[in-house]
Amino acid sequence: MNTARAWTIAWAVMNDVKISPALPEQFISSISVMGYPHRMLTDAMHWADEEERNSALDALECSIARIRKLHFPLLIGSTQ
């Protein structure tokens, strides 16, 4: 369900489409029987402390570096 929400948001952004943050009632009815509790397209804001935020940013930087190294060597001119 989270992947579907993420792709919905990505599609809307890429196509310059404004979408409601509330999930449609028919969809909520369908997924609530499966135990999915969310009723909104996006999650509530999460305020992290500085250590948690820095840890997440470090992990993000590592992921970006790995993607650049493995998937975009022509763009950065190196395969190291």
PDB file of N, CA and C in Angstrom:
ATOM      1  N   MET A   1       0.810  -1.188   0.000  1.00  0.00           N
ATOM      2  CA  MET A   1       0.000   0.000   0.000  1.00  0.00           C
ATOM      3  C   MET A   1       0.863   1.267   0.000  1.00  0.00           C
ATOM      4  N   ASN A   2       1.972   1.236   0.743  1.00  0.00           N
ATOM      5  CA  ASN A   2       2.830   2.413   0.766  1.00  0.00           C
ATOM      6  C   ASN A   2       3.467   2.665  -0.597  1.00  0.00           C
ATOM      7  N   THR A   3       3.803   1.592  -1.302  1.00  0.00           N
ATOM      8  CA  THR A   3       4.355   1.747  -2.645  1.00  0.00           C
ATOM      9  C   THR A   3       3.323   2.353  -3.578  1.00  0.00           C
ATOM     10  N   ALA A   4       2.091   1.912  -3.477  1.00  0.00           N
ATOM     11  CA  ALA A   4       1.026   2.469  -4.318  1.00  0.00           C
ATOM     12  C   ALA A   4       0.828   3.956  -4.017  1.00  0.00           C
ATOM     13  N   ARG A   5       0.880   4.323  -2.748  1.00  0.00           N
ATOM     14  CA  ARG A   5       0.748   5.739  -2.388  1.00  0.00           C
ATOM     15  C   ARG A   5       1.922   6.542  -2.952  1.00  0.00           C
ATOM     16  N   ALA A   6       3.125   6.009  -2.838  1.00  0.00           N
ATOM     17  CA  ALA A   6       4.307   6.718  -3.326  1.00  0.00           C
ATOM     18  C   ALA A   6       4.248   6.907  -4.845  1.00  0.00           C
ATOM     19  N   TRP A   7       3.854   5.860  -5.570  1.00  0.00           N
ATOM     20  CA  TRP A   7       3.761   5.973  -7.028  1.00  0.00           C
ATOM     21  C   TRP A   7       2.643   6.926  -7.438  1.00  0.00           C
ATOM     22  N   THR A   8       1.570   6.967  -6.694  1.00  0.00           N
ATOM     23  CA  THR A   8       0.486   7.913  -6.989  1.00  0.00           C
ATOM     24  C   THR A   8       0.995   9.342  -6.873  1.00  0.00           C
ATOM     25  N   ILE A   9       1.731   9.616  -5.803  1.00  0.00           N
ATOM     26  CA  ILE A   9       2.286  10.957  -5.604  1.00  0.00           C
ATOM     27  C   ILE A   9       3.302  11.271  -6.703  1.00  0.00           C
ATOM     28  N   ALA A  10       4.182  10.308  -7.017  1.00  0.00           N
ATOM     29  CA  ALA A  10       5.193  10.528  -8.056  1.00  0.00           C
ATOM     30  C   ALA A  10       4.535  10.807  -9.407  1.00  0.00           C
ATOM     31  N   TRP A  11       3.524  10.012  -9.756  1.00  0.00           N
ATOM     32  CA  TRP A  11       2.823  10.211 -11.033  1.00  0.00           C
ATOM     33  C   TRP A  11       2.202  11.604 -11.084  1.00  0.00           C
ATOM     34  N   ALA A  12       1.565  12.011  -9.997  1.00  0.00           N
ATOM     35  CA  ALA A  12       0.920  13.329  -9.960  1.00  0.00           C
ATOM     36  C   ALA A  12       1.944  14.446 -10.136  1.00  0.00           C
ATOM     37  N   VAL A  13       3.081  14.337  -9.466  1.00  0.00           N
ATOM     38  CA  VAL A  13       4.123  15.359  -9.581  1.00  0.00           C
ATOM     39  C   VAL A  13       4.657  15.404 -11.012  1.00  0.00           C
ATOM     40  N   MET A  14       4.956  14.230 -11.592  1.00  0.00           N
ATOM     41  CA  MET A  14       5.512  14.188 -12.946  1.00  0.00           C
ATOM     42  C   MET A  14       4.541  14.710 -13.995  1.00  0.00           C
ATOM     43  N   ASN A  15       3.250  14.600 -13.717  1.00  0.00           N
ATOM     44  CA  ASN A  15       2.234  15.030 -14.677  1.00  0.00           C
ATOM     45  C   ASN A  15       1.569  16.344 -14.294  1.00  0.00           C
ATOM     46  N   ASP A  16       2.126  17.020 -13.295  1.00  0.00           N
ATOM     47  CA  ASP A  16       1.618  18.305 -12.828  1.00  0.00           C
ATOM     48  C   ASP A  16       0.117  18.245 -12.529  1.00  0.00           C
ATOM     49  N   VAL A  17      -0.283  17.180 -11.828  1.00  0.00           N
ATOM     50  CA  VAL A  17      -1.684  16.970 -11.467  1.00  0.00           C
ATOM     51  C   VAL A  17      -1.838  17.184  -9.967  1.00  0.00           C
ATOM     52  N   LYS A  18      -2.785  17.970  -9.581  1.00  0.00           N
ATOM     53  CA  LYS A  18      -3.085  18.181  -8.154  1.00  0.00           C
ATOM     54  C   LYS A  18      -4.042  17.074  -7.713  1.00  0.00           C
ATOM     55  N   ILE A  19      -3.704  16.404  -6.625  1.00  0.00           N
ATOM     56  CA  ILE A  19      -4.551  15.319  -6.124  1.00  0.00           C
ATOM     57  C   ILE A  19      -4.931  15.593  -4.678  1.00  0.00           C
ATOM     58  N   SER A  20      -6.045  15.033  -4.290  1.00  0.00           N
ATOM     59  CA  SER A  20      -6.519  15.190  -2.919  1.00  0.00           C
ATOM     60  C   SER A  20      -5.633  14.385  -1.972  1.00  0.00           C
ATOM     61  N   PRO A  21      -5.330  14.926  -0.795  1.00  0.00           N
ATOM     62  CA  PRO A  21      -4.552  14.155   0.173  1.00  0.00           C
ATOM     63  C   PRO A  21      -5.356  13.014   0.808  1.00  0.00           C
ATOM     64  N   ALA A  22      -6.688  13.084   0.724  1.00  0.00           N
ATOM     65  CA  ALA A  22      -7.543  12.030   1.295  1.00  0.00           C
ATOM     66  C   ALA A  22      -7.711  10.896   0.293  1.00  0.00           C
ATOM     67  N   LEU A  23      -7.559   9.670   0.773  1.00  0.00           N
ATOM     68  CA  LEU A  23      -7.819   8.518  -0.085  1.00  0.00           C
ATOM     69  C   LEU A  23      -9.322   8.420  -0.361  1.00  0.00           C
ATOM     70  N   PRO A  24      -9.714   7.956  -1.551  1.00  0.00           N
ATOM     71  CA  PRO A  24     -11.144   7.831  -1.862  1.00  0.00           C
ATOM     72  C   PRO A  24     -11.837   6.843  -0.913  1.00  0.00           C
ATOM     73  N   GLU A  25     -13.061   7.161  -0.521  1.00  0.00           N
ATOM     74  CA  GLU A  25     -13.811   6.318   0.427  1.00  0.00           C
ATOM     75  C   GLU A  25     -13.940   4.875  -0.064  1.00  0.00           C
ATOM     76  N   GLN A  26     -14.176   4.681  -1.357  1.00  0.00           N
ATOM     77  CA  GLN A  26     -14.313   3.313  -1.893  1.00  0.00           C
ATOM     78  C   GLN A  26     -13.013   2.531  -1.701  1.00  0.00           C
ATOM     79  N   PHE A  27     -11.876   3.203  -1.905  1.00  0.00           N
ATOM     80  CA  PHE A  27     -10.579   2.570  -1.705  1.00  0.00           C
ATOM     81  C   PHE A  27     -10.365   2.245  -0.232  1.00  0.00           C
ATOM     82  N   ILE A  28     -10.722   3.171   0.637  1.00  0.00           N
ATOM     83  CA  ILE A  28     -10.583   2.949   2.082  1.00  0.00           C
ATOM     84  C   ILE A  28     -11.405   1.739   2.512  1.00  0.00           C
ATOM     85  N   SER A  29     -12.616   1.619   1.993  1.00  0.00           N
ATOM     86  CA  SER A  29     -13.463   0.463   2.315  1.00  0.00           C
ATOM     87  C   SER A  29     -12.804  -0.838   1.894  1.00  0.00           C
ATOM     88  N   SER A  30     -12.181  -0.827   0.718  1.00  0.00           N
ATOM     89  CA  SER A  30     -11.540  -2.042   0.198  1.00  0.00           C
ATOM     90  C   SER A  30     -10.325  -2.456   1.014  1.00  0.00           C
ATOM     91  N   ILE A  31      -9.521  -1.479   1.424  1.00  0.00           N
ATOM     92  CA  ILE A  31      -8.276  -1.826   2.114  1.00  0.00           C
ATOM     93  C   ILE A  31      -8.425  -1.975   3.615  1.00  0.00           C
ATOM     94  N   SER A  32      -9.457  -1.381   4.191  1.00  0.00           N
ATOM     95  CA  SER A  32      -9.608  -1.471   5.645  1.00  0.00           C
ATOM     96  C   SER A  32      -9.872  -2.904   6.099  1.00  0.00           C
ATOM     97  N   VAL A  33     -10.517  -3.705   5.268  1.00  0.00           N
ATOM     98  CA  VAL A  33     -10.759  -5.111   5.625  1.00  0.00           C
ATOM     99  C   VAL A  33      -9.460  -5.913   5.648  1.00  0.00           C
ATOM    100  N   MET A  34      -8.407  -5.371   5.012  1.00  0.00           N
ATOM    101  CA  MET A  34      -7.102  -6.035   5.011  1.00  0.00           C
ATOM    102  C   MET A  34      -6.220  -5.521   6.143  1.00  0.00           C
ATOM    103  N   GLY A  35      -6.777  -4.629   6.979  1.00  0.00           N
ATOM    104  CA  GLY A  35      -6.027  -4.130   8.116  1.00  0.00           C
ATOM    105  C   GLY A  35      -5.193  -2.898   7.837  1.00  0.00           C
ATOM    106  N   TYR A  36      -5.355  -2.288   6.679  1.00  0.00           N
ATOM    107  CA  TYR A  36      -4.592  -1.083   6.363  1.00  0.00           C
ATOM    108  C   TYR A  36      -5.270   0.115   7.004  1.00  0.00           C
ATOM    109  N   PRO A  37      -4.610   0.808   7.933  1.00  0.00           N
ATOM    110  CA  PRO A  37      -5.282   1.819   8.740  1.00  0.00           C
ATOM    111  C   PRO A  37      -5.322   3.237   8.153  1.00  0.00           C
ATOM    112  N   HIS A  38      -4.486   3.521   7.156  1.00  0.00           N
ATOM    113  CA  HIS A  38      -4.345   4.905   6.703  1.00  0.00           C
ATOM    114  C   HIS A  38      -5.523   5.369   5.856  1.00  0.00           C
ATOM    115  N   ARG A  39      -5.844   6.655   6.002  1.00  0.00           N
ATOM    116  CA  ARG A  39      -6.942   7.257   5.242  1.00  0.00           C
ATOM    117  C   ARG A  39      -6.444   8.419   4.375  1.00  0.00           C
ATOM    118  N   MET A  40      -5.150   8.701   4.466  1.00  0.00           N
ATOM    119  CA  MET A  40      -4.581   9.817   3.721  1.00  0.00           C
ATOM    120  C   MET A  40      -3.491   9.328   2.771  1.00  0.00           C
ATOM    121  N   LEU A  41      -3.271  10.099   1.720  1.00  0.00           N
ATOM    122  CA  LEU A  41      -2.242   9.744   0.742  1.00  0.00           C
ATOM    123  C   LEU A  41      -0.846   9.897   1.325  1.00  0.00           C
ATOM    124  N   THR A  42      -0.660  10.912   2.163  1.00  0.00           N
ATOM    125  CA  THR A  42       0.647  11.136   2.774  1.00  0.00           C
ATOM    126  C   THR A  42       0.585  10.861   4.271  1.00  0.00           C
ATOM    127  N   ASP A  43       1.723  10.550   4.840  1.00  0.00           N
ATOM    128  CA  ASP A  43       1.806  10.309   6.277  1.00  0.00           C
ATOM    129  C   ASP A  43       1.926  11.631   7.026  1.00  0.00           C
ATOM    130  N   ALA A  44       1.647  11.591   8.293  1.00  0.00           N
ATOM    131  CA  ALA A  44       1.848  12.762   9.142  1.00  0.00           C
ATOM    132  C   ALA A  44       3.340  13.070   9.215  1.00  0.00           C
ATOM    133  N   MET A  45       3.667  14.322   9.454  1.00  0.00           N
ATOM    134  CA  MET A  45       5.068  14.722   9.577  1.00  0.00           C
ATOM    135  C   MET A  45       5.704  14.001  10.765  1.00  0.00           C
ATOM    136  N   HIS A  46       6.951  13.631  10.589  1.00  0.00           N
ATOM    137  CA  HIS A  46       7.716  12.987  11.657  1.00  0.00           C
ATOM    138  C   HIS A  46       8.878  13.914  12.006  1.00  0.00           C
ATOM    139  N   TRP A  47       8.916  14.351  13.229  1.00  0.00           N
ATOM    140  CA  TRP A  47       9.997  15.233  13.664  1.00  0.00           C
ATOM    141  C   TRP A  47      11.053  14.399  14.365  1.00  0.00           C
ATOM    142  N   ALA A  48      12.215  14.305  13.738  1.00  0.00           N
ATOM    143  CA  ALA A  48      13.306  13.505  14.279  1.00  0.00           C
ATOM    144  C   ALA A  48      14.265  14.395  15.068  1.00  0.00           C
ATOM    145  N   ASP A  49      14.921  13.780  16.045  1.00  0.00           N
ATOM    146  CA  ASP A  49      15.955  14.535  16.745  1.00  0.00           C
ATOM    147  C   ASP A  49      17.193  14.609  15.838  1.00  0.00           C
ATOM    148  N   GLU A  50      18.164  15.409  16.228  1.00  0.00           N
ATOM    149  CA  GLU A  50      19.323  15.668  15.370  1.00  0.00           C
ATOM    150  C   GLU A  50      20.107  14.399  15.044  1.00  0.00           C
ATOM    151  N   GLU A  51      20.298  13.531  16.014  1.00  0.00           N
ATOM    152  CA  GLU A  51      21.053  12.292  15.784  1.00  0.00           C
ATOM    153  C   GLU A  51      20.333  11.392  14.781  1.00  0.00           C
ATOM    154  N   GLU A  52      19.029  11.244  14.941  1.00  0.00           N
ATOM    155  CA  GLU A  52      18.246  10.422  14.020  1.00  0.00           C
ATOM    156  C   GLU A  52      18.259  11.019  12.610  1.00  0.00           C
ATOM    157  N   ARG A  53      18.134  12.323  12.530  1.00  0.00           N
ATOM    158  CA  ARG A  53      18.146  13.019  11.238  1.00  0.00           C
ATOM    159  C   ARG A  53      19.499  12.841  10.545  1.00  0.00           C
ATOM    160  N   ASN A  54      20.586  13.015  11.289  1.00  0.00           N
ATOM    161  CA  ASN A  54      21.923  12.852  10.716  1.00  0.00           C
ATOM    162  C   ASN A  54      22.172  11.422  10.261  1.00  0.00           C
ATOM    163  N   SER A  55      21.694  10.459  11.024  1.00  0.00           N
ATOM    164  CA  SER A  55      21.833   9.058  10.642  1.00  0.00           C
ATOM    165  C   SER A  55      21.083   8.769   9.332  1.00  0.00           C
ATOM    166  N   ALA A  56      19.884   9.312   9.218  1.00  0.00           N
ATOM    167  CA  ALA A  56      19.100   9.135   7.994  1.00  0.00           C
ATOM    168  C   ALA A  56      19.775   9.810   6.806  1.00  0.00           C
ATOM    169  N   LEU A  57      20.309  11.005   7.013  1.00  0.00           N
ATOM    170  CA  LEU A  57      21.001  11.705   5.930  1.00  0.00           C
ATOM    171  C   LEU A  57      22.257  10.959   5.492  1.00  0.00           C
ATOM    172  N   ASP A  58      22.998  10.383   6.449  1.00  0.00           N
ATOM    173  CA  ASP A  58      24.176   9.584   6.111  1.00  0.00           C
ATOM    174  C   ASP A  58      23.783   8.376   5.266  1.00  0.00           C
ATOM    175  N   ALA A  59      22.725   7.690   5.657  1.00  0.00           N
ATOM    176  CA  ALA A  59      22.251   6.531   4.898  1.00  0.00           C
ATOM    177  C   ALA A  59      21.805   6.951   3.498  1.00  0.00           C
ATOM    178  N   LEU A  60      21.153   8.082   3.400  1.00  0.00           N
ATOM    179  CA  LEU A  60      20.711   8.592   2.108  1.00  0.00           C
ATOM    180  C   LEU A  60      21.906   8.903   1.212  1.00  0.00           C
ATOM    181  N   GLU A  61      22.922   9.567   1.757  1.00  0.00           N
ATOM    182  CA  GLU A  61      24.116   9.885   0.982  1.00  0.00           C
ATOM    183  C   GLU A  61      24.805   8.610   0.478  1.00  0.00           C
ATOM    184  N   CYS A  62      24.869   7.585   1.312  1.00  0.00           N
ATOM    185  CA  CYS A  62      25.461   6.305   0.895  1.00  0.00           C
ATOM    186  C   CYS A  62      24.664   5.686  -0.240  1.00  0.00           C
ATOM    187  N   SER A  63      23.348   5.734  -0.144  1.00  0.00           N
ATOM    188  CA  SER A  63      22.494   5.187  -1.200  1.00  0.00           C
ATOM    189  C   SER A  63      22.681   5.936  -2.504  1.00  0.00           C
ATOM    190  N   ILE A  64      22.724   7.250  -2.436  1.00  0.00           N
ATOM    191  CA  ILE A  64      22.918   8.060  -3.644  1.00  0.00           C
ATOM    192  C   ILE A  64      24.270   7.756  -4.275  1.00  0.00           C
ATOM    193  N   ALA A  65      25.313   7.661  -3.459  1.00  0.00           N
ATOM    194  CA  ALA A  65      26.651   7.361  -3.978  1.00  0.00           C
ATOM    195  C   ALA A  65      26.676   5.996  -4.658  1.00  0.00           C
ATOM    196  N   ARG A  66      26.012   5.021  -4.053  1.00  0.00           N
ATOM    197  CA  ARG A  66      25.981   3.670  -4.645  1.00  0.00           C
ATOM    198  C   ARG A  66      25.225   3.663  -5.962  1.00  0.00           C
ATOM    199  N   ILE A  67      24.109   4.356  -6.037  1.00  0.00           N
ATOM    200  CA  ILE A  67      23.349   4.441  -7.288  1.00  0.00           C
ATOM    201  C   ILE A  67      24.187   5.110  -8.369  1.00  0.00           C
ATOM    202  N   ARG A  68      24.850   6.210  -8.003  1.00  0.00           N
ATOM    203  CA  ARG A  68      25.707   6.889  -8.973  1.00  0.00           C
ATOM    204  C   ARG A  68      26.809   5.968  -9.490  1.00  0.00           C
ATOM    205  N   LYS A  69      27.413   5.225  -8.576  1.00  0.00           N
ATOM    206  CA  LYS A  69      28.526   4.351  -8.947  1.00  0.00           C
ATOM    207  C   LYS A  69      28.075   3.178  -9.814  1.00  0.00           C
ATOM    208  N   LEU A  70      26.963   2.553  -9.454  1.00  0.00           N
ATOM    209  CA  LEU A  70      26.534   1.335 -10.141  1.00  0.00           C
ATOM    210  C   LEU A  70      25.663   1.579 -11.368  1.00  0.00           C
ATOM    211  N   HIS A  71      24.884   2.626 -11.357  1.00  0.00           N
ATOM    212  CA  HIS A  71      23.879   2.782 -12.408  1.00  0.00           C
ATOM    213  C   HIS A  71      24.126   3.951 -13.349  1.00  0.00           C
ATOM    214  N   PHE A  72      24.957   4.883 -12.975  1.00  0.00           N
ATOM    215  CA  PHE A  72      25.152   6.052 -13.815  1.00  0.00           C
ATOM    216  C   PHE A  72      26.631   6.355 -14.094  1.00  0.00           C
ATOM    217  N   PRO A  73      27.435   5.343 -14.377  1.00  0.00           N
ATOM    218  CA  PRO A  73      28.856   5.622 -14.574  1.00  0.00           C
ATOM    219  C   PRO A  73      29.127   6.545 -15.762  1.00  0.00           C
ATOM    220  N   LEU A  74      28.325   6.507 -16.780  1.00  0.00           N
ATOM    221  CA  LEU A  74      28.537   7.383 -17.938  1.00  0.00           C
ATOM    222  C   LEU A  74      28.266   8.840 -17.593  1.00  0.00           C
ATOM    223  N   LEU A  75      27.320   9.083 -16.705  1.00  0.00           N
ATOM    224  CA  LEU A  75      26.992  10.444 -16.338  1.00  0.00           C
ATOM    225  C   LEU A  75      28.063  11.102 -15.487  1.00  0.00           C
ATOM    226  N   ILE A  76      28.734  10.303 -14.652  1.00  0.00           N
ATOM    227  CA  ILE A  76      29.759  10.895 -13.777  1.00  0.00           C
ATOM    228  C   ILE A  76      31.171  10.603 -14.262  1.00  0.00           C
ATOM    229  N   GLY A  77      31.299   9.836 -15.348  1.00  0.00           N
ATOM    230  CA  GLY A  77      32.595   9.609 -15.942  1.00  0.00           C
ATOM    231  C   GLY A  77      33.517   8.671 -15.200  1.00  0.00           C
ATOM    232  N   SER A  78      32.977   7.817 -14.355  1.00  0.00           N
ATOM    233  CA  SER A  78      33.820   6.905 -13.595  1.00  0.00           C
ATOM    234  C   SER A  78      33.043   5.643 -13.266  1.00  0.00           C
ATOM    235  N   THR A  79      33.755   4.501 -13.217  1.00  0.00           N
ATOM    236  CA  THR A  79      33.123   3.247 -12.820  1.00  0.00           C
ATOM    237  C   THR A  79      33.739   2.712 -11.551  1.00  0.00           C
ATOM    238  N   GLN A  80      34.479   3.542 -10.826  1.00  0.00           N
ATOM    239  CA  GLN A  80      35.141   3.107  -9.602  1.00  0.00           C
ATOM    240  C   GLN A  80      34.170   2.937  -8.466  1.00  0.00           C
TER     241      GLN A  80
END
